[in-house]
């Protein structure tokens, strides 16, 4: 989790250093409850994931990166028909 979080923070800071008016955001999968398998926590660090999901440790919230974004597109990939 920390790797993705730290990357997003560094990328945000770099983009904003070039042009603070550029919007910085991400596309994420809409299946938050299973996204931890990918090592990603796109929630806000203000959201205590462990209060709703048994798989999350109390520290998991520390690696949410939503607060470093100007926008987030939440979607869903469909495979097959």
N, C-alpha and C. Protein backbone atom coordinates (compact mmCIF):
# COMPACT_ATOMS: atom_id res chain seq x y z
N UNK A 1 0.81 -1.19 0.00
CA UNK A 1 0.00 0.00 0.00
C UNK A 1 0.86 1.26 0.00
N UNK A 2 1.90 1.25 0.78
CA UNK A 2 2.73 2.45 0.90
C UNK A 2 3.40 2.79 -0.42
N UNK A 3 3.75 1.81 -1.21
CA UNK A 3 4.42 2.07 -2.49
C UNK A 3 3.52 2.87 -3.43
N UNK A 4 2.28 2.44 -3.58
CA UNK A 4 1.35 3.15 -4.46
C UNK A 4 1.05 4.53 -3.89
N UNK A 5 0.80 4.60 -2.59
CA UNK A 5 0.54 5.89 -1.93
C UNK A 5 1.69 6.86 -2.19
N UNK A 6 2.91 6.42 -1.94
CA UNK A 6 4.07 7.29 -2.11
C UNK A 6 4.26 7.72 -3.56
N UNK A 7 3.98 6.81 -4.51
CA UNK A 7 4.06 7.16 -5.92
C UNK A 7 3.06 8.25 -6.27
N UNK A 8 1.82 8.11 -5.81
CA UNK A 8 0.80 9.10 -6.11
C UNK A 8 1.18 10.46 -5.53
N UNK A 9 1.69 10.47 -4.32
CA UNK A 9 2.10 11.74 -3.69
C UNK A 9 3.22 12.39 -4.50
N UNK A 10 4.22 11.62 -4.89
CA UNK A 10 5.34 12.17 -5.67
C UNK A 10 4.89 12.64 -7.05
N UNK A 11 4.03 11.85 -7.70
CA UNK A 11 3.53 12.24 -9.02
C UNK A 11 2.71 13.51 -8.93
N UNK A 12 1.85 13.60 -7.93
CA UNK A 12 1.04 14.81 -7.71
C UNK A 12 1.94 16.02 -7.53
N UNK A 13 2.92 15.90 -6.67
CA UNK A 13 3.80 17.04 -6.39
C UNK A 13 4.58 17.45 -7.63
N UNK A 14 5.03 16.50 -8.43
CA UNK A 14 5.78 16.81 -9.64
C UNK A 14 4.89 17.52 -10.66
N UNK A 15 3.70 17.00 -10.89
CA UNK A 15 2.76 17.62 -11.83
C UNK A 15 2.45 19.05 -11.40
N UNK A 16 2.13 19.23 -10.14
CA UNK A 16 1.77 20.56 -9.64
C UNK A 16 2.95 21.52 -9.66
N UNK A 17 4.18 21.01 -9.56
CA UNK A 17 5.36 21.88 -9.62
C UNK A 17 5.57 22.43 -11.03
N UNK A 18 5.14 21.68 -12.03
CA UNK A 18 5.25 22.13 -13.42
C UNK A 18 4.15 23.14 -13.73
N UNK A 19 2.93 22.82 -13.29
CA UNK A 19 1.81 23.72 -13.54
C UNK A 19 0.72 23.45 -12.49
N UNK A 20 0.59 24.33 -11.51
CA UNK A 20 -0.39 24.10 -10.43
C UNK A 20 -1.84 24.04 -10.90
N UNK A 21 -2.10 24.51 -12.14
CA UNK A 21 -3.47 24.51 -12.64
C UNK A 21 -3.87 23.18 -13.27
N UNK A 22 -2.90 22.32 -13.53
CA UNK A 22 -3.20 21.01 -14.13
C UNK A 22 -3.95 20.16 -13.11
N UNK A 23 -5.04 19.56 -13.55
CA UNK A 23 -5.80 18.66 -12.71
C UNK A 23 -5.10 17.31 -12.65
N UNK A 24 -4.96 16.76 -11.46
CA UNK A 24 -4.28 15.49 -11.26
C UNK A 24 -5.28 14.49 -10.69
N UNK A 25 -5.44 13.36 -11.37
CA UNK A 25 -6.40 12.38 -10.91
C UNK A 25 -6.08 10.98 -11.38
N UNK A 26 -6.95 10.05 -11.05
CA UNK A 26 -6.76 8.65 -11.39
C UNK A 26 -8.08 8.01 -11.79
N UNK A 27 -7.97 6.89 -12.46
CA UNK A 27 -9.10 5.99 -12.69
C UNK A 27 -8.88 4.82 -11.76
N UNK A 28 -9.91 4.42 -11.05
CA UNK A 28 -9.81 3.27 -10.15
C UNK A 28 -10.96 2.32 -10.40
N UNK A 29 -10.75 1.07 -10.04
CA UNK A 29 -11.83 0.10 -10.12
C UNK A 29 -12.82 0.32 -9.00
N UNK A 30 -14.07 0.09 -9.26
CA UNK A 30 -15.13 0.35 -8.31
C UNK A 30 -15.30 -0.71 -7.23
N UNK A 31 -14.52 -1.72 -7.24
CA UNK A 31 -14.67 -2.82 -6.28
C UNK A 31 -13.70 -2.62 -5.12
N UNK A 32 -13.90 -1.55 -4.36
CA UNK A 32 -12.98 -1.19 -3.27
C UNK A 32 -12.74 -2.32 -2.28
N UNK A 33 -13.76 -3.07 -1.96
CA UNK A 33 -13.62 -4.10 -0.93
C UNK A 33 -12.67 -5.23 -1.29
N UNK A 34 -12.32 -5.35 -2.57
CA UNK A 34 -11.35 -6.38 -2.97
C UNK A 34 -10.10 -5.79 -3.62
N UNK A 35 -10.02 -4.49 -3.68
CA UNK A 35 -8.89 -3.83 -4.33
C UNK A 35 -7.58 -3.96 -3.56
N UNK A 36 -7.66 -4.27 -2.28
CA UNK A 36 -6.44 -4.38 -1.47
C UNK A 36 -5.52 -5.47 -2.00
N UNK A 37 -6.07 -6.46 -2.72
CA UNK A 37 -5.23 -7.50 -3.32
C UNK A 37 -4.19 -6.92 -4.25
N UNK A 38 -4.50 -5.76 -4.83
CA UNK A 38 -3.58 -5.10 -5.76
C UNK A 38 -2.63 -4.14 -5.05
N UNK A 39 -2.75 -4.02 -3.75
CA UNK A 39 -1.87 -3.13 -3.00
C UNK A 39 -2.22 -1.67 -3.15
N UNK A 40 -3.49 -1.39 -3.34
CA UNK A 40 -3.93 -0.02 -3.60
C UNK A 40 -5.03 0.36 -2.61
N UNK A 41 -4.91 1.54 -2.02
CA UNK A 41 -5.97 2.08 -1.18
C UNK A 41 -6.29 3.47 -1.68
N UNK A 42 -7.30 3.56 -2.53
CA UNK A 42 -7.63 4.85 -3.12
C UNK A 42 -8.60 5.67 -2.29
N UNK A 43 -8.92 5.22 -1.10
CA UNK A 43 -9.80 5.99 -0.22
C UNK A 43 -9.05 7.17 0.41
N UNK A 44 -9.78 7.99 1.10
CA UNK A 44 -9.18 9.07 1.87
C UNK A 44 -8.56 8.48 3.13
N UNK A 45 -7.45 9.04 3.59
CA UNK A 45 -6.89 8.57 4.86
C UNK A 45 -7.81 8.89 6.05
N UNK A 46 -8.81 9.71 5.82
CA UNK A 46 -9.79 10.01 6.88
C UNK A 46 -10.79 8.87 7.06
N UNK A 47 -10.86 7.96 6.08
CA UNK A 47 -11.79 6.84 6.13
C UNK A 47 -11.09 5.65 6.80
N UNK A 48 -11.60 5.21 7.91
CA UNK A 48 -11.02 4.08 8.63
C UNK A 48 -11.59 2.78 8.04
N UNK A 49 -10.86 2.25 7.10
CA UNK A 49 -11.28 1.03 6.41
C UNK A 49 -11.51 -0.12 7.38
N UNK A 50 -10.69 -0.20 8.41
CA UNK A 50 -10.79 -1.32 9.35
C UNK A 50 -12.11 -1.33 10.12
N UNK A 51 -12.82 -0.21 10.12
CA UNK A 51 -14.11 -0.19 10.82
C UNK A 51 -15.20 -0.90 10.02
N UNK A 52 -14.96 -1.13 8.72
CA UNK A 52 -15.96 -1.79 7.88
C UNK A 52 -15.50 -3.10 7.25
N UNK A 53 -14.20 -3.31 7.19
CA UNK A 53 -13.67 -4.51 6.53
C UNK A 53 -12.70 -5.24 7.45
N UNK A 54 -12.91 -6.51 7.65
CA UNK A 54 -12.08 -7.30 8.56
C UNK A 54 -10.65 -7.50 8.04
N UNK A 55 -10.46 -7.39 6.74
CA UNK A 55 -9.13 -7.61 6.18
C UNK A 55 -8.20 -6.43 6.38
N UNK A 56 -8.73 -5.27 6.73
CA UNK A 56 -7.91 -4.06 6.86
C UNK A 56 -7.40 -3.89 8.28
N UNK A 57 -6.14 -3.55 8.38
CA UNK A 57 -5.56 -3.24 9.69
C UNK A 57 -5.87 -1.78 10.01
N UNK A 58 -5.75 -1.37 11.26
CA UNK A 58 -5.96 0.03 11.61
C UNK A 58 -5.01 0.98 10.86
N UNK A 59 -3.85 0.50 10.46
CA UNK A 59 -2.88 1.33 9.75
C UNK A 59 -3.20 1.48 8.26
N UNK A 60 -4.07 0.63 7.75
CA UNK A 60 -4.39 0.64 6.32
C UNK A 60 -4.84 2.03 5.85
N UNK A 61 -5.58 2.72 6.68
CA UNK A 61 -6.09 4.06 6.31
C UNK A 61 -4.97 5.06 6.05
N UNK A 62 -3.82 4.84 6.64
CA UNK A 62 -2.69 5.77 6.49
C UNK A 62 -2.17 5.84 5.05
N UNK A 63 -2.55 4.87 4.23
CA UNK A 63 -2.04 4.81 2.87
C UNK A 63 -3.09 5.12 1.82
N UNK A 64 -4.21 5.66 2.25
CA UNK A 64 -5.20 6.15 1.30
C UNK A 64 -4.67 7.40 0.63
N UNK A 65 -4.92 7.53 -0.67
CA UNK A 65 -4.33 8.67 -1.39
C UNK A 65 -5.34 9.62 -2.02
N UNK A 66 -6.61 9.47 -1.74
CA UNK A 66 -7.63 10.33 -2.35
C UNK A 66 -7.40 11.81 -2.07
N UNK A 67 -6.85 12.13 -0.94
CA UNK A 67 -6.64 13.54 -0.58
C UNK A 67 -5.55 14.22 -1.42
N UNK A 68 -4.86 13.45 -2.23
CA UNK A 68 -3.81 14.00 -3.10
C UNK A 68 -4.29 14.16 -4.54
N UNK A 69 -5.59 14.01 -4.76
CA UNK A 69 -6.15 14.05 -6.11
C UNK A 69 -7.09 15.22 -6.27
N UNK A 70 -7.17 15.72 -7.50
CA UNK A 70 -8.17 16.72 -7.84
C UNK A 70 -9.46 16.04 -8.31
N UNK A 71 -9.32 14.84 -8.86
CA UNK A 71 -10.49 14.07 -9.29
C UNK A 71 -10.18 12.59 -9.29
N UNK A 72 -11.23 11.79 -9.26
CA UNK A 72 -11.11 10.34 -9.31
C UNK A 72 -12.26 9.81 -10.15
N UNK A 73 -11.94 9.00 -11.14
CA UNK A 73 -12.96 8.34 -11.95
C UNK A 73 -13.08 6.91 -11.44
N UNK A 74 -14.23 6.57 -10.95
CA UNK A 74 -14.47 5.23 -10.42
C UNK A 74 -15.24 4.44 -11.46
N UNK A 75 -14.68 3.32 -11.86
CA UNK A 75 -15.31 2.54 -12.91
C UNK A 75 -15.36 1.07 -12.59
N UNK A 76 -15.74 0.34 -13.61
CA UNK A 76 -15.89 -1.10 -13.47
C UNK A 76 -15.51 -1.74 -14.79
N UNK A 77 -14.61 -2.69 -14.74
CA UNK A 77 -14.24 -3.44 -15.93
C UNK A 77 -15.12 -4.66 -16.03
N UNK A 78 -15.58 -4.93 -17.19
CA UNK A 78 -16.41 -6.12 -17.42
C UNK A 78 -15.71 -7.01 -18.44
N UNK A 79 -15.61 -8.26 -18.12
CA UNK A 79 -15.01 -9.22 -19.03
C UNK A 79 -16.09 -10.18 -19.51
N UNK A 80 -16.00 -10.58 -20.73
CA UNK A 80 -17.02 -11.48 -21.27
C UNK A 80 -18.24 -10.70 -21.72
N UNK A 81 -19.36 -11.33 -21.68
CA UNK A 81 -20.60 -10.68 -22.14
C UNK A 81 -21.25 -9.88 -21.08
